[in-house]
Amino acid sequence: MQLKFNRQKSLRDSMMQKLLKLIVFAGLLILIVFLLEKIDFSKPDKKFNTDITNEIIRLK
């Protein structure tokens, strides 16, 4: 019968793994923000000036 050898990760290994995941996550987030800035989202050409004072008076 062979015994199973479970080697525990050292503190340095686990911290390096977490740091690497954090760096990858931050890089992906920066890449997503950069790509979203490249997309030209349309915006309205004119401002809408709607008078709603009559509706506010009716609500009171």
Protein backbone atom coordinates (compact mmCIF):
# COMPACT_ATOMS: atom_id res chain seq x y z
CA MET A 1 0.00 0.00 0.00
CA GLN A 2 1.34 3.40 -0.99
CA LEU A 3 0.85 6.41 1.24
CA LYS A 4 -0.51 9.58 -0.27
CA PHE A 5 1.93 12.48 0.05
CA ASN A 6 0.18 15.83 0.51
CA ARG A 7 2.62 18.70 0.43
CA GLN A 8 1.21 21.82 1.99
CA LYS A 9 1.79 25.09 0.20
CA SER A 10 4.11 27.47 1.95
CA LEU A 11 2.94 30.94 2.91
CA ARG A 12 5.12 32.42 0.18
CA ASP A 13 3.58 30.20 -2.50
CA SER A 14 0.03 31.04 -1.50
CA MET A 15 0.78 34.77 -1.30
CA MET A 16 2.44 34.71 -4.72
CA GLN A 17 -0.57 32.90 -6.19
CA LYS A 18 -2.98 35.46 -4.71
CA LEU A 19 -0.80 38.34 -5.90
CA LEU A 20 -0.66 36.88 -9.41
CA LYS A 21 -4.45 36.52 -9.50
CA LEU A 22 -4.85 40.10 -8.31
CA ILE A 23 -2.49 41.39 -11.01
CA VAL A 24 -4.32 39.43 -13.72
CA PHE A 25 -7.70 40.69 -12.47
CA ALA A 26 -6.48 44.32 -12.38
CA GLY A 27 -5.01 43.95 -15.88
CA LEU A 28 -8.28 42.60 -17.25
CA LEU A 29 -10.22 45.41 -15.59
CA ILE A 30 -7.90 48.04 -17.10
CA LEU A 31 -8.20 46.37 -20.52
CA ILE A 32 -12.02 46.38 -20.31
CA VAL A 33 -12.10 50.07 -19.36
CA PHE A 34 -9.68 50.90 -22.18
CA LEU A 35 -11.80 49.04 -24.74
CA LEU A 36 -15.02 50.67 -23.49
CA GLU A 37 -13.46 54.10 -23.98
CA LYS A 38 -12.74 53.23 -27.62
CA ILE A 39 -16.43 52.56 -28.35
CA ASP A 40 -18.28 55.66 -29.50
CA PHE A 41 -21.60 55.70 -27.67
CA SER A 42 -24.11 58.01 -29.32
CA LYS A 43 -25.52 60.88 -27.33
CA PRO A 44 -28.50 63.15 -28.04
CA ASP A 45 -27.79 66.13 -30.28
CA LYS A 46 -30.11 68.54 -28.52
CA LYS A 47 -31.10 69.15 -24.93
CA PHE A 48 -34.70 68.52 -24.00
CA ASN A 49 -36.33 71.40 -22.14
CA THR A 50 -39.66 70.08 -20.95
CA ASP A 51 -41.78 72.24 -18.69
CA ILE A 52 -43.13 70.00 -15.92
CA THR A 53 -44.30 72.68 -13.46
CA ASN A 54 -47.96 71.92 -14.21
CA GLU A 55 -47.42 68.24 -13.41
CA ILE A 56 -45.65 69.09 -10.12
CA ILE A 57 -48.54 71.34 -9.04
CA ARG A 58 -51.03 68.53 -9.73
CA LEU A 59 -49.02 66.08 -7.61
CA LYS A 60 -49.20 68.27 -4.51
